[in-house]
């Protein structure tokens, strides 16, 4: 009987249920002849009496109060008070009783919901992670791209394979003009975070350099669907139309990016490069200077101004602006190459050779650095060294007619006329549009090269 009528673990039994169970238990004791019974009702009390008296009390409790016998009303009253006391004790002690009787699963859930303070080891590990991220990002902001790449690569794999880290890695490669590595990092970043907007303007420039027209068009469509109010979206659209040589449309999109965010420096720079393509140097200069007004450390704007002065044959001004760009980002081989071109055009050959050699060491696969260095070596009559550079360049750019033209000029100076004729003919096959210029070199093979047209640009 005790097991059958035990109350639930969650809620204490109400007083009415206690009284009903008491009556049924008393009747059972009367019928079986048991003189006393222990009822586990949560109060721990024992109620003992004869079967007849318990049965009479249960019958009298069912009568209205005015029909109850006087000698039983006192018992009923005392019994009710005892039941209330038992109930109050049960309610007051239900908390400790229910906790002790809870299942292990419930106790685990209550324990797990409590706030857990990190241990000293976890705190130390988290601080080390943030320290490594800050170190890598500082290198990136200082344009120490090699150190930044190393620091980001040393991160744990779970942190390295995140959209933010991969975007910073791609930016570091872009700052060193390593466009293929930057494209790979950006592609993995987009796979992890397809809704990422920041950094996509640089990704579009990387695709522009690699001439990936289909990928750039797809990126532009994705950006328009993501956020039309982001300046990065309009920069991506501008690069897309620039690759299709629709310069005016590209400029409109870059100006739209400036309208969305007037402090977005890169939009001014991209607009300036489009003006240079249209040979509108005045507007290009204004765009680059606007970019520098917002960010003096924006090396792309200094580089853009240098290209304008180089085209205007203001070689000293061009060299100055390229040098300013290199002071900000000294790890970019393209900037070294263009500074060497400005020095070469200004007939500062020895310094130009040193600068171009540095550009070649930074990026051995840079064909422009090798070509300009070969031209500088040829001008100081170091023709054997120039020919070695051109032979190495021939393997890097086997379809470039300019390489064979320059090789023919050097071979002519070395007296290898048959080899020079072969080089000129190969250049003619690769670039029929330049047939008049190449045939003029062939006609002058037997002539002195004193008046040889050897343009630096």
Protein backbone atom coordinates (compact mmCIF):
# COMPACT_ATOMS: atom_id res chain seq x y z
CA UNK A 1 0.00 0.00 0.00
CA UNK A 2 2.84 2.37 0.78
CA UNK A 3 4.42 1.79 -2.63
CA UNK A 4 1.09 2.10 -4.46
CA UNK A 5 0.11 5.46 -3.04
CA UNK A 6 3.53 7.18 -2.91
CA UNK A 7 3.29 10.71 -4.36
CA UNK A 8 5.19 11.73 -7.52
CA UNK A 9 8.82 13.07 -7.37
CA UNK A 10 7.95 16.38 -8.93
CA UNK A 11 4.93 17.70 -6.97
CA UNK A 12 3.74 16.97 -3.37
CA UNK A 13 0.34 15.29 -3.06
CA UNK A 14 -2.53 17.68 -2.24
CA UNK A 15 -4.33 17.45 1.10
CA UNK A 16 -7.55 16.02 -0.40
CA UNK A 17 -5.59 13.17 -1.94
CA UNK A 18 -3.93 12.59 1.43
CA UNK A 19 -7.29 12.25 3.13
CA UNK A 20 -8.63 9.86 0.45
CA UNK A 21 -5.57 7.65 0.69
CA UNK A 22 -5.89 7.67 4.49
CA UNK A 23 -9.48 6.46 4.35
CA UNK A 24 -8.75 3.71 1.81
CA UNK A 25 -5.74 2.57 3.80
CA UNK A 26 -7.79 2.49 7.01
CA UNK A 27 -10.52 0.44 5.35
CA UNK A 28 -7.92 -1.99 4.07
CA UNK A 29 -6.45 -2.34 7.53
CA UNK A 30 -9.93 -3.02 8.96
CA UNK A 31 -10.67 -5.76 6.48
CA UNK A 32 -7.32 -7.49 6.88
CA UNK A 33 -7.19 -7.22 10.65
CA UNK A 34 -4.01 -5.25 10.77
CA UNK A 35 -3.97 -3.01 13.81
CA UNK A 36 -1.56 -0.35 12.49
CA UNK A 37 -0.11 0.74 9.16
CA UNK A 38 2.68 3.08 8.08
CA UNK A 39 1.66 5.41 5.24
CA UNK A 40 4.58 7.03 3.43
CA UNK A 41 2.86 10.26 2.46
CA UNK A 42 5.92 12.47 2.61
CA UNK A 43 5.22 13.62 6.22
CA UNK A 44 6.82 10.62 7.94
CA UNK A 45 3.91 10.36 10.44
CA UNK A 46 2.31 7.10 11.61
CA UNK A 47 -1.39 6.79 12.26
CA UNK A 48 -2.44 3.76 14.44
CA UNK A 49 -5.91 2.68 15.58
CA UNK A 50 -8.41 -0.14 15.62
CA UNK A 51 -10.19 -1.09 12.46
CA UNK A 52 -13.68 -0.21 13.82
CA UNK A 53 -12.78 3.27 15.00
CA UNK A 54 -11.00 4.10 11.77
CA UNK A 55 -13.97 2.90 9.73
CA UNK A 56 -16.42 4.93 11.84
CA UNK A 57 -14.28 8.03 11.54
CA UNK A 58 -14.11 7.69 7.75
CA UNK A 59 -17.92 7.30 7.55
CA UNK A 60 -18.53 10.27 9.87
CA UNK A 61 -16.20 12.47 7.82
CA UNK A 62 -18.48 12.03 4.83
CA UNK A 63 -21.49 13.52 6.73
CA UNK A 64 -22.27 17.26 6.80
CA UNK A 65 -20.82 19.13 9.80
CA UNK A 66 -24.21 19.62 11.59
CA UNK A 67 -24.87 15.81 11.59
CA UNK A 68 -21.49 14.77 12.88
CA UNK A 69 -21.27 13.41 16.38
CA UNK A 70 -19.65 15.77 18.93
CA UNK A 71 -17.12 13.20 20.10
CA UNK A 72 -15.94 12.74 16.48
CA UNK A 73 -15.82 16.42 15.43
CA UNK A 74 -12.83 16.97 17.71
CA UNK A 75 -11.07 14.00 16.17
CA UNK A 76 -11.86 15.19 12.68
CA UNK A 77 -10.64 18.70 13.55
CA UNK A 78 -7.43 17.39 15.04
CA UNK A 79 -7.01 15.08 12.09
CA UNK A 80 -7.45 17.97 9.64
CA UNK A 81 -4.91 20.05 11.51
CA UNK A 82 -2.51 17.13 11.48
CA UNK A 83 -3.01 16.74 7.75
CA UNK A 84 -2.34 20.45 7.17
CA UNK A 85 0.81 20.29 9.27
CA UNK A 86 1.89 17.22 7.35
CA UNK A 87 1.16 18.98 4.07
CA UNK A 88 3.04 22.14 5.15
CA UNK A 89 6.03 20.05 6.16
CA UNK A 90 5.89 18.24 2.87
CA UNK A 91 5.78 21.48 0.83
CA UNK A 92 8.55 23.02 2.86
CA UNK A 93 10.78 20.02 2.47
CA UNK A 94 9.89 19.19 -1.12
CA UNK A 95 12.88 21.08 -2.51
CA UNK A 96 15.54 18.99 -0.78
CA UNK A 97 13.50 15.83 -1.23
CA UNK A 98 13.00 16.35 -4.97
CA UNK A 99 16.67 17.23 -5.51
CA UNK A 100 17.79 14.08 -3.76
CA UNK A 101 15.40 11.98 -5.80
CA UNK A 102 16.03 13.57 -9.20
CA UNK A 103 17.45 11.47 -12.01
CA UNK A 104 21.13 11.90 -12.98
CA UNK A 105 20.06 13.38 -16.34
CA UNK A 106 18.07 16.20 -14.70
CA UNK A 107 20.87 16.90 -12.25
CA UNK A 108 23.35 17.06 -15.21
CA UNK A 109 21.12 19.52 -17.08
CA UNK A 110 20.88 21.80 -14.05
CA UNK A 111 24.63 21.59 -13.52
CA UNK A 112 25.41 22.29 -17.20
CA UNK A 113 23.14 25.35 -17.25
CA UNK A 114 25.27 27.02 -14.59
CA UNK A 115 27.93 29.47 -15.98
CA UNK A 116 31.33 27.84 -16.33
CA UNK A 117 34.40 30.00 -15.82
CA UNK A 118 37.30 29.29 -18.24
CA UNK A 119 40.30 27.61 -16.79
CA UNK A 120 43.74 29.17 -16.70
CA UNK A 121 44.89 26.95 -19.58
CA UNK A 122 41.94 28.00 -21.78
CA UNK A 123 42.57 31.67 -21.04
CA UNK A 124 46.25 31.32 -21.87
CA UNK A 125 45.45 29.55 -25.15
CA UNK A 126 42.95 32.24 -26.16
CA UNK A 127 45.40 35.04 -25.39
CA UNK A 128 48.08 33.29 -27.45
CA UNK A 129 45.67 33.04 -30.40
CA UNK A 130 44.76 36.74 -30.26
CA UNK A 131 48.43 37.63 -29.93
CA UNK A 132 49.26 35.67 -33.09
CA UNK A 133 46.38 37.25 -35.02
CA UNK A 134 47.40 40.75 -33.92
CA UNK A 135 51.01 40.10 -34.89
CA UNK A 136 50.01 38.90 -38.38
CA UNK A 137 47.61 41.80 -38.94
CA UNK A 138 50.23 44.32 -37.83
CA UNK A 139 52.68 42.94 -40.40
CA UNK A 140 49.96 43.24 -43.03
CA UNK A 141 49.20 46.87 -42.15
CA UNK A 142 52.92 47.68 -42.30
CA UNK A 143 53.13 45.98 -45.75
CA UNK A 144 55.52 43.35 -44.46
CA UNK A 145 53.77 40.78 -46.55
CA UNK A 146 56.22 37.88 -46.14
CA UNK A 147 56.05 38.13 -42.36
CA UNK A 148 52.26 38.46 -42.47
CA UNK A 149 51.90 35.33 -44.60
CA UNK A 150 54.17 33.38 -42.26
CA UNK A 151 52.25 34.53 -39.18
CA UNK A 152 48.87 33.69 -40.68
CA UNK A 153 50.14 30.30 -41.87
CA UNK A 154 51.36 29.43 -38.35
CA UNK A 155 47.82 29.69 -36.98
CA UNK A 156 46.00 26.48 -36.00
CA UNK A 157 44.26 24.83 -38.91
CA UNK A 158 40.79 25.52 -37.51
CA UNK A 159 41.63 29.24 -37.38
CA UNK A 160 43.56 29.32 -40.64
CA UNK A 161 40.62 27.95 -42.62
CA UNK A 162 38.35 30.92 -41.90
CA UNK A 163 37.09 33.59 -44.25
CA UNK A 164 38.78 36.48 -42.47
CA UNK A 165 42.25 34.89 -42.32
CA UNK A 166 42.11 33.77 -45.95
CA UNK A 167 41.06 37.27 -47.05
CA UNK A 168 44.07 38.75 -45.22
CA UNK A 169 46.37 36.16 -46.80
CA UNK A 170 45.04 37.03 -50.24
CA UNK A 171 45.58 40.74 -49.57
CA UNK A 172 49.18 40.05 -48.54
CA UNK A 173 49.82 38.19 -51.80
CA UNK A 174 48.16 41.01 -53.74
CA UNK A 175 50.43 43.59 -52.09
CA UNK A 176 53.40 41.62 -53.45
CA UNK A 177 51.81 41.38 -56.93
CA UNK A 178 51.43 37.60 -56.55
CA UNK A 179 48.08 37.49 -58.27
CA UNK A 180 47.74 33.74 -58.74
CA UNK A 181 48.30 32.99 -55.06
CA UNK A 182 45.92 35.82 -54.15
CA UNK A 183 43.24 34.39 -56.46
CA UNK A 184 43.53 30.95 -54.86
CA UNK A 185 43.18 32.38 -51.35
CA UNK A 186 40.21 34.54 -52.33
CA UNK A 187 38.49 31.57 -53.98
CA UNK A 188 38.81 29.49 -50.81
CA UNK A 189 37.58 32.45 -48.79
CA UNK A 190 34.45 32.71 -50.94
CA UNK A 191 33.81 28.99 -50.53
CA UNK A 192 33.80 29.38 -46.75
CA UNK A 193 31.99 32.73 -46.66
CA UNK A 194 29.95 33.20 -49.86
CA UNK A 195 28.27 36.29 -48.37
CA UNK A 196 31.50 38.14 -47.63
CA UNK A 197 31.69 41.72 -48.97
CA UNK A 198 34.89 43.15 -47.51
CA UNK A 199 37.95 42.60 -49.65
CA UNK A 200 36.01 41.71 -52.79
CA UNK A 201 37.17 44.90 -54.54
CA UNK A 202 40.73 43.55 -54.30
CA UNK A 203 39.56 40.15 -55.51
CA UNK A 204 38.01 41.80 -58.57
CA UNK A 205 41.31 43.58 -59.29
CA UNK A 206 43.14 40.25 -59.04
CA UNK A 207 40.71 38.74 -61.56
CA UNK A 208 41.23 41.80 -63.77
CA UNK A 209 45.00 41.24 -63.81
CA UNK A 210 44.53 37.54 -64.59
CA UNK A 211 41.98 38.35 -67.34
CA UNK A 212 39.37 36.04 -65.77
CA UNK A 213 36.36 37.60 -67.45
CA UNK A 214 33.78 34.91 -66.61
CA UNK A 215 34.76 34.71 -62.94
CA UNK A 216 34.67 38.50 -62.67
CA UNK A 217 31.19 38.71 -64.23
CA UNK A 218 29.91 36.05 -61.85
CA UNK A 219 31.43 37.89 -58.88
CA UNK A 220 29.75 41.12 -60.00
CA UNK A 221 26.35 39.43 -60.15
CA UNK A 222 26.86 37.92 -56.71
CA UNK A 223 27.83 41.26 -55.20
CA UNK A 224 24.82 43.05 -56.67
CA UNK A 225 22.56 40.40 -55.14
CA UNK A 226 24.30 40.69 -51.77
CA UNK A 227 24.52 44.43 -51.11
CA UNK A 228 23.87 47.32 -53.47
CA UNK A 229 24.77 49.85 -50.79
CA UNK A 230 28.36 48.65 -50.40
CA UNK A 231 31.14 50.52 -52.26
CA UNK A 232 32.86 47.19 -52.87
CA UNK A 233 29.94 46.13 -55.08
CA UNK A 234 30.36 49.09 -57.42
CA UNK A 235 34.13 48.64 -57.57
CA UNK A 236 33.62 45.03 -58.65
CA UNK A 237 31.19 46.18 -61.35
CA UNK A 238 33.64 48.83 -62.51
CA UNK A 239 36.47 46.30 -62.84
CA UNK A 240 34.13 44.00 -64.74
CA UNK A 241 33.36 46.65 -67.37
CA UNK A 242 36.99 47.80 -67.43
CA UNK A 243 38.08 44.29 -68.41
CA UNK A 244 35.60 44.50 -71.30
CA UNK A 245 37.23 47.83 -72.25
CA UNK A 246 34.11 49.86 -71.53
CA UNK A 247 36.04 52.56 -69.73
CA UNK A 248 33.30 55.19 -69.50
CA UNK A 249 30.87 52.75 -67.89
CA UNK A 250 33.58 51.60 -65.51
CA UNK A 251 34.26 55.18 -64.45
CA UNK A 252 30.55 55.71 -63.73
CA UNK A 253 30.52 52.68 -61.44
CA UNK A 254 33.65 53.85 -59.61
CA UNK A 255 32.07 57.26 -59.07
CA UNK A 256 28.96 55.50 -57.76
CA UNK A 257 31.16 53.73 -55.20
CA UNK A 258 32.49 57.14 -54.14
CA UNK A 259 28.93 58.43 -53.76
CA UNK A 260 28.06 55.49 -51.53
CA UNK A 261 31.16 55.99 -49.35
CA UNK A 262 33.22 59.14 -50.00
CA UNK A 263 36.03 57.81 -47.77
CA UNK A 264 36.50 54.59 -49.74
CA UNK A 265 40.03 55.28 -50.98
CA UNK A 266 40.35 52.40 -53.42
CA UNK A 267 37.45 53.69 -55.56
CA UNK A 268 39.37 56.92 -56.26
CA UNK A 269 42.42 54.90 -57.30
CA UNK A 270 40.47 52.66 -59.67
CA UNK A 271 38.79 55.68 -61.24
CA UNK A 272 42.21 57.27 -61.71
CA UNK A 273 43.54 54.22 -63.56
CA UNK A 274 40.53 54.30 -65.89
CA UNK A 275 41.20 57.97 -66.65
CA UNK A 276 44.80 57.03 -67.46
CA UNK A 277 43.49 54.41 -69.90
CA UNK A 278 41.47 57.17 -71.57
CA UNK A 279 44.59 59.40 -71.49
CA UNK A 280 42.67 61.95 -69.44
CA UNK A 281 45.63 62.73 -67.23
CA UNK A 282 44.11 65.77 -65.56
CA UNK A 283 41.14 63.84 -64.13
CA UNK A 284 43.41 60.92 -63.30
CA UNK A 285 45.72 63.18 -61.29
CA UNK A 286 42.73 64.62 -59.41
CA UNK A 287 41.47 61.13 -58.56
CA UNK A 288 44.83 59.94 -57.25
CA UNK A 289 45.25 63.08 -55.15
CA UNK A 290 41.78 62.62 -53.69
CA UNK A 291 42.81 59.12 -52.66
CA UNK A 292 45.93 60.47 -50.96
CA UNK A 293 43.84 63.11 -49.21
CA UNK A 294 41.99 60.33 -47.39
CA UNK A 295 44.96 57.99 -46.94
CA UNK A 296 48.57 59.16 -47.27
CA UNK A 297 49.76 55.54 -47.06
CA UNK A 298 47.76 54.38 -50.05
CA UNK A 299 50.68 53.26 -52.20
CA UNK A 300 48.47 52.58 -55.24
CA UNK A 301 47.77 56.32 -55.57
CA UNK A 302 51.49 57.17 -55.48
CA UNK A 303 52.07 54.50 -58.12
CA UNK A 304 49.26 55.92 -60.27
CA UNK A 305 50.76 59.41 -60.17
CA UNK A 306 54.12 57.94 -61.12
CA UNK A 307 52.67 56.24 -64.20
CA UNK A 308 51.12 59.55 -65.31
CA UNK A 309 54.44 61.38 -65.10
CA UNK A 310 56.19 58.48 -66.81
CA UNK A 311 53.80 58.75 -69.77
CA UNK A 312 54.31 62.52 -69.81
CA UNK A 313 58.10 61.92 -69.92
CA UNK A 314 58.59 63.71 -66.60
CA UNK A 315 61.03 61.08 -65.44
CA UNK A 316 62.27 62.74 -62.26
CA UNK A 317 58.74 63.28 -60.97
CA UNK A 318 57.86 59.72 -61.94
CA UNK A 319 60.87 58.33 -60.07
CA UNK A 320 59.96 60.41 -57.00
CA UNK A 321 56.40 59.07 -56.83
CA UNK A 322 57.54 55.49 -57.40
CA UNK A 323 60.04 55.94 -54.59
CA UNK A 324 57.31 57.24 -52.28
CA UNK A 325 55.21 54.17 -53.10
CA UNK A 326 58.18 51.93 -52.31
CA UNK A 327 58.69 53.61 -48.94
CA UNK A 328 55.20 52.40 -48.02
CA UNK A 329 55.29 48.97 -49.69
CA UNK A 330 58.91 47.91 -50.27
CA UNK A 331 58.03 44.27 -51.03
CA UNK A 332 56.29 44.91 -54.37
CA UNK A 333 58.45 43.92 -57.35
CA UNK A 334 56.26 45.85 -59.81
CA UNK A 335 56.97 49.12 -58.00
CA UNK A 336 60.72 48.43 -58.14
CA UNK A 337 60.39 47.61 -61.82
CA UNK A 338 58.63 50.88 -62.64
CA UNK A 339 61.13 52.88 -60.64
CA UNK A 340 63.87 51.16 -62.63
CA UNK A 341 62.07 52.09 -65.85
CA UNK A 342 61.95 55.75 -64.78
CA UNK A 343 65.68 55.69 -63.97
CA UNK A 344 66.40 53.93 -67.25
CA UNK A 345 64.46 56.53 -69.22
CA UNK A 346 66.38 59.25 -67.37
CA UNK A 347 69.64 57.53 -68.50
CA UNK A 348 70.64 56.65 -64.94
CA UNK A 349 71.73 53.21 -66.04
CA UNK A 350 73.76 51.91 -63.11
CA UNK A 351 71.09 52.76 -60.54
CA UNK A 352 68.43 51.39 -62.87
CA UNK A 353 70.25 48.06 -63.16
CA UNK A 354 70.51 47.79 -59.36
CA UNK A 355 66.80 48.54 -58.89
CA UNK A 356 65.75 46.13 -61.65
CA UNK A 357 67.97 43.41 -60.20
CA UNK A 358 66.19 43.85 -56.87
CA UNK A 359 62.82 43.56 -58.62
CA UNK A 360 63.96 40.36 -60.33
CA UNK A 361 65.12 38.85 -57.04
CA UNK A 362 61.77 39.62 -55.41
CA UNK A 363 59.85 37.97 -58.23
CA UNK A 364 61.95 35.85 -60.61
CA UNK A 365 58.85 35.25 -62.72
CA UNK A 366 58.40 38.98 -63.43
CA UNK A 367 59.12 39.27 -67.18
CA UNK A 368 59.09 43.08 -67.23
CA UNK A 369 61.98 43.32 -64.77
CA UNK A 370 64.15 41.00 -66.85
CA UNK A 371 63.33 42.82 -70.09
CA UNK A 372 64.15 46.27 -68.70
CA UNK A 373 67.32 45.00 -67.09
CA UNK A 374 68.44 43.50 -70.38
CA UNK A 375 67.83 46.84 -72.09
CA UNK A 376 69.85 48.68 -69.42
CA UNK A 377 72.71 46.19 -69.71
CA UNK A 378 72.71 46.62 -73.48
CA UNK A 379 73.02 50.39 -73.11
CA UNK A 380 76.15 50.07 -70.98
CA UNK A 381 77.59 47.57 -73.50
CA UNK A 382 77.17 44.53 -71.26
CA UNK A 383 75.62 42.63 -74.13
CA UNK A 384 76.58 39.11 -73.03
CA UNK A 385 74.76 39.60 -69.71
CA UNK A 386 71.83 41.15 -71.56
CA UNK A 387 71.58 38.12 -73.83
CA UNK A 388 71.53 35.79 -70.82
CA UNK A 389 68.60 37.72 -69.35
CA UNK A 390 66.73 37.57 -72.65
CA UNK A 391 67.28 33.81 -73.02
CA UNK A 392 65.86 33.28 -69.52
CA UNK A 393 62.99 35.61 -70.41
CA UNK A 394 62.30 33.61 -73.55
CA UNK A 395 61.29 30.64 -71.38
CA UNK A 396 59.01 32.83 -69.25
CA UNK A 397 57.26 34.54 -72.17
CA UNK A 398 57.71 32.41 -75.30
CA UNK A 399 54.91 34.17 -77.17
CA UNK A 400 56.08 37.75 -76.56
CA UNK A 401 57.41 39.37 -79.76
CA UNK A 402 59.15 42.19 -77.85
CA UNK A 403 61.55 39.66 -76.33
CA UNK A 404 62.68 38.43 -79.75
CA UNK A 405 63.06 41.98 -81.09
CA UNK A 406 65.31 42.94 -78.19
CA UNK A 407 67.21 39.67 -78.55
CA UNK A 408 67.82 40.44 -82.21
CA UNK A 409 69.22 43.87 -81.30
CA UNK A 410 71.64 42.39 -78.76
CA UNK A 411 72.74 39.62 -81.14
CA UNK A 412 73.40 42.27 -83.80
CA UNK A 413 75.69 44.13 -81.36
CA UNK A 414 77.51 40.87 -80.65
CA UNK A 415 77.99 40.30 -84.40
CA UNK A 416 75.68 37.26 -84.58
CA UNK A 417 73.80 38.44 -87.63
CA UNK A 418 72.27 35.07 -88.58
CA UNK A 419 70.90 34.60 -85.07
CA UNK A 420 69.62 38.18 -85.09
CA UNK A 421 67.80 37.58 -88.41
CA UNK A 422 66.20 34.44 -86.95
CA UNK A 423 65.03 36.35 -83.88
CA UNK A 424 63.51 39.14 -85.99
CA UNK A 425 61.68 36.62 -88.20
CA UNK A 426 60.28 34.86 -85.15
CA UNK A 427 59.07 38.19 -83.78
CA UNK A 428 57.42 38.88 -87.14
CA UNK A 429 55.53 35.58 -86.96
CA UNK A 430 54.28 36.32 -83.45
CA UNK A 431 53.21 39.92 -84.13
CA UNK A 432 52.28 40.60 -87.77
CA UNK A 433 50.82 43.97 -86.77
CA UNK A 434 54.34 45.24 -86.03
CA UNK A 435 55.64 44.08 -89.39
CA UNK A 436 56.86 47.52 -90.51
CA UNK A 437 58.96 48.06 -87.40
CA UNK A 438 60.42 44.55 -87.45
CA UNK A 439 61.27 44.73 -91.19
CA UNK A 440 63.06 48.00 -90.55
CA UNK A 441 65.30 46.21 -88.04
CA UNK A 442 65.96 43.48 -90.60
CA UNK A 443 66.93 46.05 -93.22
CA UNK A 444 69.42 47.65 -90.83
CA UNK A 445 71.23 44.43 -89.97
CA UNK A 446 74.22 45.38 -92.13
CA UNK A 447 74.18 49.00 -90.92
CA UNK A 448 75.77 50.59 -87.92
CA UNK A 449 73.59 50.68 -84.82
CA UNK A 450 74.59 54.18 -83.77
CA UNK A 451 71.19 55.57 -84.68
CA UNK A 452 69.33 52.50 -83.49
CA UNK A 453 65.91 53.35 -82.07
CA UNK A 454 65.95 51.69 -78.68
CA UNK A 455 63.06 53.20 -76.78
CA UNK A 456 63.06 52.68 -73.05
CA UNK A 457 59.28 52.39 -72.94
